[in-house]
PDB file of all heavy atoms in Angstrom:
ATOM      1  N   PRO A   1       9.241   1.305   2.381  1.00  0.00           N
ATOM      2  CA  PRO A   1       8.248   0.222   2.385  1.00  0.00           C
ATOM      3  C   PRO A   1       6.918   0.636   1.760  1.00  0.00           C
ATOM      4  O   PRO A   1       6.221  -0.188   1.165  1.00  0.00           O
ATOM      5  CB  PRO A   1       8.078  -0.088   3.883  1.00  0.00           C
ATOM      6  CG  PRO A   1       9.341   0.390   4.510  1.00  0.00           C
ATOM      7  CD  PRO A   1       9.745   1.599   3.725  1.00  0.00           C
ATOM      8  N   SER A   2       6.582   1.913   1.881  1.00  0.00           N
ATOM      9  CA  SER A   2       5.315   2.390   1.316  1.00  0.00           C
ATOM     10  C   SER A   2       5.309   2.264  -0.205  1.00  0.00           C
ATOM     11  O   SER A   2       4.274   1.945  -0.805  1.00  0.00           O
ATOM     12  CB  SER A   2       5.068   3.847   1.718  1.00  0.00           C
ATOM     13  OG  SER A   2       4.865   3.964   3.109  1.00  0.00           O
ATOM     14  N   SER A   3       6.463   2.506  -0.834  1.00  0.00           N
ATOM     15  CA  SER A   3       6.545   2.370  -2.293  1.00  0.00           C
ATOM     16  C   SER A   3       6.308   0.927  -2.714  1.00  0.00           C
ATOM     17  O   SER A   3       5.623   0.660  -3.712  1.00  0.00           O
ATOM     18  CB  SER A   3       7.918   2.833  -2.793  1.00  0.00           C
ATOM     19  OG  SER A   3       8.097   4.206  -2.576  1.00  0.00           O
ATOM     20  N   VAL A   4       6.869  -0.011  -1.955  1.00  0.00           N
ATOM     21  CA  VAL A   4       6.680  -1.427  -2.251  1.00  0.00           C
ATOM     22  C   VAL A   4       5.207  -1.804  -2.106  1.00  0.00           C
ATOM     23  O   VAL A   4       4.628  -2.479  -2.958  1.00  0.00           O
ATOM     24  CB  VAL A   4       7.549  -2.294  -1.317  1.00  0.00           C
ATOM     25  CG1 VAL A   4       7.298  -3.775  -1.574  1.00  0.00           C
ATOM     26  CG2 VAL A   4       9.027  -1.974  -1.525  1.00  0.00           C
ATOM     27  N   ALA A   5       4.585  -1.337  -1.019  1.00  0.00           N
ATOM     28  CA  ALA A   5       3.171  -1.644  -0.777  1.00  0.00           C
ATOM     29  C   ALA A   5       2.283  -1.033  -1.861  1.00  0.00           C
ATOM     30  O   ALA A   5       1.322  -1.667  -2.320  1.00  0.00           O
ATOM     31  CB  ALA A   5       2.755  -1.133   0.599  1.00  0.00           C
ATOM     32  N   LEU A   6       2.611   0.178  -2.280  1.00  0.00           N
ATOM     33  CA  LEU A   6       1.821   0.837  -3.319  1.00  0.00           C
ATOM     34  C   LEU A   6       1.874   0.075  -4.633  1.00  0.00           C
ATOM     35  O   LEU A   6       0.855  -0.084  -5.317  1.00  0.00           O
ATOM     36  CB  LEU A   6       2.321   2.268  -3.530  1.00  0.00           C
ATOM     37  CG  LEU A   6       1.791   3.327  -2.565  1.00  0.00           C
ATOM     38  CD1 LEU A   6       2.562   4.621  -2.724  1.00  0.00           C
ATOM     39  CD2 LEU A   6       0.306   3.554  -2.789  1.00  0.00           C
ATOM     40  N   ALA A   7       3.051  -0.380  -4.997  1.00  0.00           N
ATOM     41  CA  ALA A   7       3.201  -1.125  -6.247  1.00  0.00           C
ATOM     42  C   ALA A   7       2.351  -2.389  -6.217  1.00  0.00           C
ATOM     43  O   ALA A   7       1.667  -2.720  -7.203  1.00  0.00           O
ATOM     44  CB  ALA A   7       4.664  -1.467  -6.482  1.00  0.00           C
ATOM     45  N   LYS A   8       2.361  -3.090  -5.095  1.00  0.00           N
ATOM     46  CA  LYS A   8       1.565  -4.312  -4.969  1.00  0.00           C
ATOM     47  C   LYS A   8       0.079  -4.000  -4.974  1.00  0.00           C
ATOM     48  O   LYS A   8      -0.723  -4.711  -5.590  1.00  0.00           O
ATOM     49  CB  LYS A   8       1.950  -5.046  -3.682  1.00  0.00           C
ATOM     50  CG  LYS A   8       3.362  -5.612  -3.671  1.00  0.00           C
ATOM     51  CD  LYS A   8       3.670  -6.305  -2.351  1.00  0.00           C
ATOM     52  CE  LYS A   8       5.075  -6.876  -2.345  1.00  0.00           C
ATOM     53  NZ  LYS A   8       5.407  -7.519  -1.049  1.00  0.00           N
ATOM     54  N   ALA A   9      -0.307  -2.911  -4.287  1.00  0.00           N
ATOM     55  CA  ALA A   9      -1.721  -2.537  -4.213  1.00  0.00           C
ATOM     56  C   ALA A   9      -2.259  -2.138  -5.586  1.00  0.00           C
ATOM     57  O   ALA A   9      -3.386  -2.507  -5.956  1.00  0.00           O
ATOM     58  CB  ALA A   9      -1.905  -1.396  -3.224  1.00  0.00           C
ATOM     59  N   ARG A  10      -1.475  -1.405  -6.346  1.00  0.00           N
ATOM     60  CA  ARG A  10      -1.917  -0.991  -7.682  1.00  0.00           C
ATOM     61  C   ARG A  10      -2.098  -2.207  -8.586  1.00  0.00           C
ATOM     62  O   ARG A  10      -3.031  -2.248  -9.401  1.00  0.00           O
ATOM     63  CB  ARG A  10      -0.900  -0.026  -8.290  1.00  0.00           C
ATOM     64  CG  ARG A  10      -0.878   1.336  -7.603  1.00  0.00           C
ATOM     65  CD  ARG A  10       0.305   2.175  -8.050  1.00  0.00           C
ATOM     66  NE  ARG A  10       0.354   3.458  -7.363  1.00  0.00           N
ATOM     67  CZ  ARG A  10       1.358   4.321  -7.447  1.00  0.00           C
ATOM     68  NH1 ARG A  10       2.402   4.019  -8.214  1.00  0.00           N
ATOM     69  NH2 ARG A  10       1.325   5.467  -6.796  1.00  0.00           N
ATOM     70  N   GLU A  11      -1.222  -3.182  -8.428  1.00  0.00           N
ATOM     71  CA  GLU A  11      -1.363  -4.406  -9.215  1.00  0.00           C
ATOM     72  C   GLU A  11      -2.646  -5.147  -8.836  1.00  0.00           C
ATOM     73  O   GLU A  11      -3.351  -5.668  -9.705  1.00  0.00           O
ATOM     74  CB  GLU A  11      -0.143  -5.303  -8.985  1.00  0.00           C
ATOM     75  CG  GLU A  11      -0.141  -6.565  -9.850  1.00  0.00           C
ATOM     76  CD  GLU A  11       1.124  -7.394  -9.664  1.00  0.00           C
ATOM     77  OE1 GLU A  11       2.079  -6.898  -9.041  1.00  0.00           O
ATOM     78  OE2 GLU A  11       1.142  -8.540 -10.149  1.00  0.00           O
ATOM     79  N   LEU A  12      -2.951  -5.172  -7.555  1.00  0.00           N
ATOM     80  CA  LEU A  12      -4.185  -5.818  -7.097  1.00  0.00           C
ATOM     81  C   LEU A  12      -5.410  -5.105  -7.665  1.00  0.00           C
ATOM     82  O   LEU A  12      -6.366  -5.750  -8.120  1.00  0.00           O
ATOM     83  CB  LEU A  12      -4.244  -5.817  -5.568  1.00  0.00           C
ATOM     84  CG  LEU A  12      -3.305  -6.788  -4.853  1.00  0.00           C
ATOM     85  CD1 LEU A  12      -3.278  -6.507  -3.356  1.00  0.00           C
ATOM     86  CD2 LEU A  12      -3.732  -8.237  -5.108  1.00  0.00           C
ATOM     87  N   VAL A  13      -5.388  -3.767  -7.637  1.00  0.00           N
ATOM     88  CA  VAL A  13      -6.513  -2.995  -8.170  1.00  0.00           C
ATOM     89  C   VAL A  13      -6.683  -3.262  -9.660  1.00  0.00           C
ATOM     90  O   VAL A  13      -7.802  -3.438 -10.161  1.00  0.00           O
ATOM     91  CB  VAL A  13      -6.309  -1.489  -7.907  1.00  0.00           C
ATOM     92  CG1 VAL A  13      -7.366  -0.667  -8.657  1.00  0.00           C
ATOM     93  CG2 VAL A  13      -6.386  -1.196  -6.416  1.00  0.00           C
ATOM     94  N   ASP A  14      -5.565  -3.309 -10.385  1.00  0.00           N
ATOM     95  CA  ASP A  14      -5.617  -3.571 -11.826  1.00  0.00           C
ATOM     96  C   ASP A  14      -6.237  -4.942 -12.126  1.00  0.00           C
ATOM     97  O   ASP A  14      -6.819  -5.146 -13.193  1.00  0.00           O
ATOM     98  CB  ASP A  14      -4.218  -3.513 -12.434  1.00  0.00           C
ATOM     99  CG  ASP A  14      -3.671  -2.092 -12.490  1.00  0.00           C
ATOM    100  OD1 ASP A  14      -4.479  -1.147 -12.388  1.00  0.00           O
ATOM    101  OD2 ASP A  14      -2.444  -1.923 -12.624  1.00  0.00           O
ATOM    102  N   ASN A  15      -6.087  -5.862 -11.177  1.00  0.00           N
ATOM    103  CA  ASN A  15      -6.631  -7.214 -11.354  1.00  0.00           C
ATOM    104  C   ASN A  15      -7.994  -7.388 -10.688  1.00  0.00           C
ATOM    105  O   ASN A  15      -8.442  -8.509 -10.468  1.00  0.00           O
ATOM    106  CB  ASN A  15      -5.648  -8.253 -10.792  1.00  0.00           C
ATOM    107  CG  ASN A  15      -4.385  -8.364 -11.628  1.00  0.00           C
ATOM    108  OD1 ASN A  15      -4.445  -8.396 -12.860  1.00  0.00           O
ATOM    109  ND2 ASN A  15      -3.233  -8.404 -10.982  1.00  0.00           N
ATOM    110  N   GLY A  16      -8.648  -6.260 -10.378  1.00  0.00           N
ATOM    111  CA  GLY A  16      -9.984  -6.314  -9.805  1.00  0.00           C
ATOM    112  C   GLY A  16     -10.049  -6.761  -8.362  1.00  0.00           C
ATOM    113  O   GLY A  16     -11.073  -7.279  -7.910  1.00  0.00           O
ATOM    114  N   LYS A  17      -8.958  -6.575  -7.628  1.00  0.00           N
ATOM    115  CA  LYS A  17      -8.905  -7.022  -6.232  1.00  0.00           C
ATOM    116  C   LYS A  17      -8.729  -5.835  -5.288  1.00  0.00           C
ATOM    117  O   LYS A  17      -7.810  -5.785  -4.466  1.00  0.00           O
ATOM    118  CB  LYS A  17      -7.765  -8.024  -6.041  1.00  0.00           C
ATOM    119  CG  LYS A  17      -7.913  -9.284  -6.886  1.00  0.00           C
ATOM    120  CD  LYS A  17      -6.741 -10.237  -6.680  1.00  0.00           C
ATOM    121  CE  LYS A  17      -6.905 -11.506  -7.507  1.00  0.00           C
ATOM    122  NZ  LYS A  17      -5.752 -12.440  -7.332  1.00  0.00           N
ATOM    123  N   ALA A  18      -9.653  -4.880  -5.398  1.00  0.00           N
ATOM    124  CA  ALA A  18      -9.570  -3.678  -4.567  1.00  0.00           C
ATOM    125  C   ALA A  18      -9.637  -3.988  -3.068  1.00  0.00           C
ATOM    126  O   ALA A  18      -8.899  -3.371  -2.288  1.00  0.00           O
ATOM    127  CB  ALA A  18     -10.670  -2.700  -4.959  1.00  0.00           C
ATOM    128  N   PRO A  19     -10.511  -4.908  -2.611  1.00  0.00           N
ATOM    129  CA  PRO A  19     -10.546  -5.201  -1.163  1.00  0.00           C
ATOM    130  C   PRO A  19      -9.199  -5.673  -0.622  1.00  0.00           C
ATOM    131  O   PRO A  19      -8.784  -5.285   0.475  1.00  0.00           O
ATOM    132  CB  PRO A  19     -11.604  -6.312  -1.057  1.00  0.00           C
ATOM    133  CG  PRO A  19     -12.498  -6.080  -2.232  1.00  0.00           C
ATOM    134  CD  PRO A  19     -11.579  -5.632  -3.330  1.00  0.00           C
ATOM    135  N   GLN A  20      -8.501  -6.505  -1.416  1.00  0.00           N
ATOM    136  CA  GLN A  20      -7.179  -6.970  -0.989  1.00  0.00           C
ATOM    137  C   GLN A  20      -6.176  -5.810  -0.972  1.00  0.00           C
ATOM    138  O   GLN A  20      -5.297  -5.760  -0.112  1.00  0.00           O
ATOM    139  CB  GLN A  20      -6.681  -8.076  -1.909  1.00  0.00           C
ATOM    140  CG  GLN A  20      -7.434  -9.392  -1.782  1.00  0.00           C
ATOM    141  CD  GLN A  20      -8.627  -9.480  -2.724  1.00  0.00           C
ATOM    142  OE1 GLN A  20      -9.243  -8.474  -3.053  1.00  0.00           O
ATOM    143  NE2 GLN A  20      -8.926 -10.686  -3.174  1.00  0.00           N
ATOM    144  N   ALA A  21      -6.336  -4.877  -1.924  1.00  0.00           N
ATOM    145  CA  ALA A  21      -5.449  -3.707  -1.960  1.00  0.00           C
ATOM    146  C   ALA A  21      -5.671  -2.839  -0.725  1.00  0.00           C
ATOM    147  O   ALA A  21      -4.709  -2.340  -0.124  1.00  0.00           O
ATOM    148  CB  ALA A  21      -5.706  -2.900  -3.227  1.00  0.00           C
ATOM    149  N   ILE A  22      -6.926  -2.675  -0.344  1.00  0.00           N
ATOM    150  CA  ILE A  22      -7.242  -1.895   0.859  1.00  0.00           C
ATOM    151  C   ILE A  22      -6.638  -2.552   2.092  1.00  0.00           C
ATOM    152  O   ILE A  22      -6.042  -1.885   2.947  1.00  0.00           O
ATOM    153  CB  ILE A  22      -8.774  -1.759   1.026  1.00  0.00           C
ATOM    154  CG1 ILE A  22      -9.338  -0.850  -0.072  1.00  0.00           C
ATOM    155  CG2 ILE A  22      -9.123  -1.213   2.405  1.00  0.00           C
ATOM    156  CD1 ILE A  22     -10.845  -0.758  -0.083  1.00  0.00           C
ATOM    157  N   GLU A  23      -6.754  -3.865   2.163  1.00  0.00           N
ATOM    158  CA  GLU A  23      -6.187  -4.595   3.298  1.00  0.00           C
ATOM    159  C   GLU A  23      -4.668  -4.444   3.354  1.00  0.00           C
ATOM    160  O   GLU A  23      -4.084  -4.231   4.428  1.00  0.00           O
ATOM    161  CB  GLU A  23      -6.565  -6.077   3.190  1.00  0.00           C
ATOM    162  CG  GLU A  23      -6.076  -6.928   4.357  1.00  0.00           C
ATOM    163  CD  GLU A  23      -6.483  -8.387   4.212  1.00  0.00           C
ATOM    164  OE1 GLU A  23      -7.241  -8.716   3.281  1.00  0.00           O
ATOM    165  OE2 GLU A  23      -6.044  -9.196   5.063  1.00  0.00           O
ATOM    166  N   LEU A  24      -4.034  -4.543   2.190  1.00  0.00           N
ATOM    167  CA  LEU A  24      -2.575  -4.438   2.131  1.00  0.00           C
ATOM    168  C   LEU A  24      -2.109  -3.048   2.555  1.00  0.00           C
ATOM    169  O   LEU A  24      -1.177  -2.910   3.365  1.00  0.00           O
ATOM    170  CB  LEU A  24      -2.114  -4.748   0.714  1.00  0.00           C
ATOM    171  CG  LEU A  24      -0.606  -4.855   0.446  1.00  0.00           C
ATOM    172  CD1 LEU A  24      -0.352  -5.755  -0.751  1.00  0.00           C
ATOM    173  CD2 LEU A  24       0.028  -3.490   0.197  1.00  0.00           C
ATOM    174  N   LEU A  25      -2.749  -2.006   2.028  1.00  0.00           N
ATOM    175  CA  LEU A  25      -2.347  -0.640   2.354  1.00  0.00           C
ATOM    176  C   LEU A  25      -2.656  -0.296   3.808  1.00  0.00           C
ATOM    177  O   LEU A  25      -1.900   0.446   4.450  1.00  0.00           O
ATOM    178  CB  LEU A  25      -3.040   0.348   1.418  1.00  0.00           C
ATOM    179  CG  LEU A  25      -2.632   0.277  -0.051  1.00  0.00           C
ATOM    180  CD1 LEU A  25      -3.412   1.294  -0.875  1.00  0.00           C
ATOM    181  CD2 LEU A  25      -1.128   0.519  -0.213  1.00  0.00           C
ATOM    182  N   THR A  26      -3.751  -0.826   4.315  1.00  0.00           N
ATOM    183  CA  THR A  26      -4.098  -0.592   5.719  1.00  0.00           C
ATOM    184  C   THR A  26      -3.031  -1.181   6.637  1.00  0.00           C
ATOM    185  O   THR A  26      -2.608  -0.553   7.611  1.00  0.00           O
ATOM    186  CB  THR A  26      -5.463  -1.216   6.051  1.00  0.00           C
ATOM    187  OG1 THR A  26      -6.477  -0.593   5.245  1.00  0.00           O
ATOM    188  CG2 THR A  26      -5.816  -1.006   7.527  1.00  0.00           C
ATOM    189  N   LYS A  27      -2.579  -2.376   6.306  1.00  0.00           N
ATOM    190  CA  LYS A  27      -1.521  -3.023   7.090  1.00  0.00           C
ATOM    191  C   LYS A  27      -0.225  -2.234   6.996  1.00  0.00           C
ATOM    192  O   LYS A  27       0.479  -2.046   8.004  1.00  0.00           O
ATOM    193  CB  LYS A  27      -1.303  -4.449   6.599  1.00  0.00           C
ATOM    194  CG  LYS A  27      -0.267  -5.220   7.404  1.00  0.00           C
ATOM    195  CD  LYS A  27      -0.129  -6.658   6.906  1.00  0.00           C
ATOM    196  CE  LYS A  27       0.917  -7.422   7.716  1.00  0.00           C
ATOM    197  NZ  LYS A  27       1.068  -8.825   7.235  1.00  0.00           N
ATOM    198  N   ALA A  28       0.098  -1.748   5.788  1.00  0.00           N
ATOM    199  CA  ALA A  28       1.327  -0.977   5.601  1.00  0.00           C
ATOM    200  C   ALA A  28       1.294   0.333   6.375  1.00  0.00           C
ATOM    201  O   ALA A  28       2.334   0.847   6.792  1.00  0.00           O
ATOM    202  CB  ALA A  28       1.547  -0.695   4.120  1.00  0.00           C
ATOM    203  N   ASN A  29       0.104   0.874   6.579  1.00  0.00           N
ATOM    204  CA  ASN A  29      -0.043   2.143   7.284  1.00  0.00           C
ATOM    205  C   ASN A  29      -0.098   1.966   8.797  1.00  0.00           C
ATOM    206  O   ASN A  29      -0.082   2.942   9.538  1.00  0.00           O
ATOM    207  CB  ASN A  29      -1.317   2.862   6.808  1.00  0.00           C
ATOM    208  CG  ASN A  29      -1.436   4.259   7.361  1.00  0.00           C
ATOM    209  OD1 ASN A  29      -0.523   5.072   7.241  1.00  0.00           O
ATOM    210  ND2 ASN A  29      -2.568   4.562   7.997  1.00  0.00           N
ATOM    211  N   THR A  30      -0.148   0.725   9.255  1.00  0.00           N
ATOM    212  CA  THR A  30      -0.267   0.470  10.686  1.00  0.00           C
ATOM    213  C   THR A  30       1.000   0.836  11.451  1.00  0.00           C
ATOM    214  O   THR A  30       0.946   1.433  12.528  1.00  0.00           O
ATOM    215  CB  THR A  30      -0.603  -1.018  10.944  1.00  0.00           C
ATOM    216  OG1 THR A  30      -1.831  -1.328  10.281  1.00  0.00           O
ATOM    217  CG2 THR A  30      -0.758  -1.293  12.427  1.00  0.00           C
ATOM    218  N   SER A  31       2.145   0.467  10.893  1.00  0.00           N
ATOM    219  CA  SER A  31       3.423   0.778  11.559  1.00  0.00           C
ATOM    220  C   SER A  31       4.447   1.215  10.521  1.00  0.00           C
ATOM    221  O   SER A  31       5.422   0.513  10.249  1.00  0.00           O
ATOM    222  CB  SER A  31       3.935  -0.434  12.330  1.00  0.00           C
ATOM    223  OG  SER A  31       4.050  -1.565  11.479  1.00  0.00           O
ATOM    224  N   PRO A  32       4.216   2.378   9.888  1.00  0.00           N
ATOM    225  CA  PRO A  32       5.106   2.822   8.813  1.00  0.00           C
ATOM    226  C   PRO A  32       6.387   3.460   9.343  1.00  0.00           C
ATOM    227  O   PRO A  32       6.510   3.766  10.531  1.00  0.00           O
ATOM    228  CB  PRO A  32       4.253   3.868   8.093  1.00  0.00           C
ATOM    229  CG  PRO A  32       3.461   4.487   9.213  1.00  0.00           C
ATOM    230  CD  PRO A  32       3.147   3.346  10.145  1.00  0.00           C
ATOM    231  N   LEU A  33       7.338   3.651   8.442  1.00  0.00           N
ATOM    232  CA  LEU A  33       8.520   4.432   8.780  1.00  0.00           C
ATOM    233  C   LEU A  33       8.140   5.914   8.655  1.00  0.00           C
ATOM    234  O   LEU A  33       7.692   6.342   7.586  1.00  0.00           O
ATOM    235  CB  LEU A  33       9.669   4.125   7.833  1.00  0.00           C
ATOM    236  CG  LEU A  33      10.298   2.728   7.942  1.00  0.00           C
ATOM    237  CD1 LEU A  33      11.364   2.557   6.873  1.00  0.00           C
ATOM    238  CD2 LEU A  33      10.887   2.499   9.324  1.00  0.00           C
ATOM    239  N   PRO A  34       8.289   6.699   9.709  1.00  0.00           N
ATOM    240  CA  PRO A  34       7.869   8.109   9.674  1.00  0.00           C
ATOM    241  C   PRO A  34       8.526   8.916   8.557  1.00  0.00           C
ATOM    242  O   PRO A  34       7.938   9.860   8.049  1.00  0.00           O
ATOM    243  CB  PRO A  34       8.278   8.635  11.058  1.00  0.00           C
ATOM    244  CG  PRO A  34       8.347   7.424  11.921  1.00  0.00           C
ATOM    245  CD  PRO A  34       8.842   6.322  11.019  1.00  0.00           C
ATOM    246  N   ASP A  35       9.763   8.539   8.199  1.00  0.00           N
ATOM    247  CA  ASP A  35      10.488   9.306   7.183  1.00  0.00           C
ATOM    248  C   ASP A  35      10.358   8.716   5.787  1.00  0.00           C
ATOM    249  O   ASP A  35      11.085   9.104   4.866  1.00  0.00           O
ATOM    250  CB  ASP A  35      11.972   9.412   7.556  1.00  0.00           C
ATOM    251  CG  ASP A  35      12.645   8.047   7.695  1.00  0.00           C
ATOM    252  OD1 ASP A  35      11.918   7.033   7.770  1.00  0.00           O
ATOM    253  OD2 ASP A  35      13.899   7.996   7.739  1.00  0.00           O
ATOM    254  N   ASP A  36       9.430   7.789   5.607  1.00  0.00           N
ATOM    255  CA  ASP A  36       9.222   7.172   4.296  1.00  0.00           C
ATOM    256  C   ASP A  36       8.632   8.212   3.347  1.00  0.00           C
ATOM    257  O   ASP A  36       7.525   8.712   3.579  1.00  0.00           O
ATOM    258  CB  ASP A  36       8.269   5.978   4.430  1.00  0.00           C
ATOM    259  CG  ASP A  36       8.197   5.134   3.162  1.00  0.00           C
ATOM    260  OD1 ASP A  36       8.379   5.693   2.063  1.00  0.00           O
ATOM    261  OD2 ASP A  36       7.964   3.920   3.281  1.00  0.00           O
ATOM    262  N   PRO A  37       9.338   8.561   2.261  1.00  0.00           N
ATOM    263  CA  PRO A  37       8.844   9.610   1.364  1.00  0.00           C
ATOM    264  C   PRO A  37       7.543   9.268   0.651  1.00  0.00           C
ATOM    265  O   PRO A  37       6.827  10.162   0.197  1.00  0.00           O
ATOM    266  CB  PRO A  37       9.996   9.784   0.364  1.00  0.00           C
ATOM    267  CG  PRO A  37      10.737   8.484   0.402  1.00  0.00           C
ATOM    268  CD  PRO A  37      10.631   8.018   1.813  1.00  0.00           C
ATOM    269  N   ALA A  38       7.231   7.969   0.539  1.00  0.00           N
ATOM    270  CA  ALA A  38       6.010   7.566  -0.168  1.00  0.00           C
ATOM    271  C   ALA A  38       4.815   7.399   0.770  1.00  0.00           C
ATOM    272  O   ALA A  38       3.720   7.060   0.319  1.00  0.00           O
ATOM    273  CB  ALA A  38       6.244   6.258  -0.919  1.00  0.00           C
ATOM    274  N   LEU A  39       4.995   7.650   2.069  1.00  0.00           N
ATOM    275  CA  LEU A  39       3.900   7.454   3.022  1.00  0.00           C
ATOM    276  C   LEU A  39       2.689   8.354   2.753  1.00  0.00           C
ATOM    277  O   LEU A  39       1.552   7.868   2.795  1.00  0.00           O
ATOM    278  CB  LEU A  39       4.415   7.663   4.448  1.00  0.00           C
ATOM    279  CG  LEU A  39       3.403   7.461   5.570  1.00  0.00           C
ATOM    280  CD1 LEU A  39       2.780   6.069   5.514  1.00  0.00           C
ATOM    281  CD2 LEU A  39       4.070   7.687   6.932  1.00  0.00           C
ATOM    282  N   PRO A  40       2.868   9.652   2.455  1.00  0.00           N
ATOM    283  CA  PRO A  40       1.699  10.484   2.143  1.00  0.00           C
ATOM    284  C   PRO A  40       0.908   9.954   0.945  1.00  0.00           C
ATOM    285  O   PRO A  40      -0.327   9.970   0.958  1.00  0.00           O
ATOM    286  CB  PRO A  40       2.311  11.858   1.846  1.00  0.00           C
ATOM    287  CG  PRO A  40       3.577  11.871   2.633  1.00  0.00           C
ATOM    288  CD  PRO A  40       4.099  10.455   2.513  1.00  0.00           C
ATOM    289  N   ARG A  41       1.607   9.461  -0.090  1.00  0.00           N
ATOM    290  CA  ARG A  41       0.905   8.927  -1.256  1.00  0.00           C
ATOM    291  C   ARG A  41       0.149   7.655  -0.883  1.00  0.00           C
ATOM    292  O   ARG A  41      -0.972   7.433  -1.345  1.00  0.00           O
ATOM    293  CB  ARG A  41       1.909   8.658  -2.388  1.00  0.00           C
ATOM    294  CG  ARG A  41       1.325   7.959  -3.621  1.00  0.00           C
ATOM    295  CD  ARG A  41       0.187   8.739  -4.273  1.00  0.00           C
ATOM    296  NE  ARG A  41       0.579  10.002  -4.790  1.00  0.00           N
ATOM    297  CZ  ARG A  41       1.121  10.205  -5.987  1.00  0.00           C
ATOM    298  NH1 ARG A  41       1.345   9.189  -6.795  1.00  0.00           N
ATOM    299  NH2 ARG A  41       1.430  11.417  -6.390  1.00  0.00           N
TER     300      ARG A  41
END
């Protein structure tokens, strides 16, 4: 799930929507899968 969230967040940043990207990543980090390989990134 972290990889999916990252892809969406990067797209938001590219479109000048950093606050929305922060909100999206913050939500994704609230209840992540512990074994998600993309979680550290």
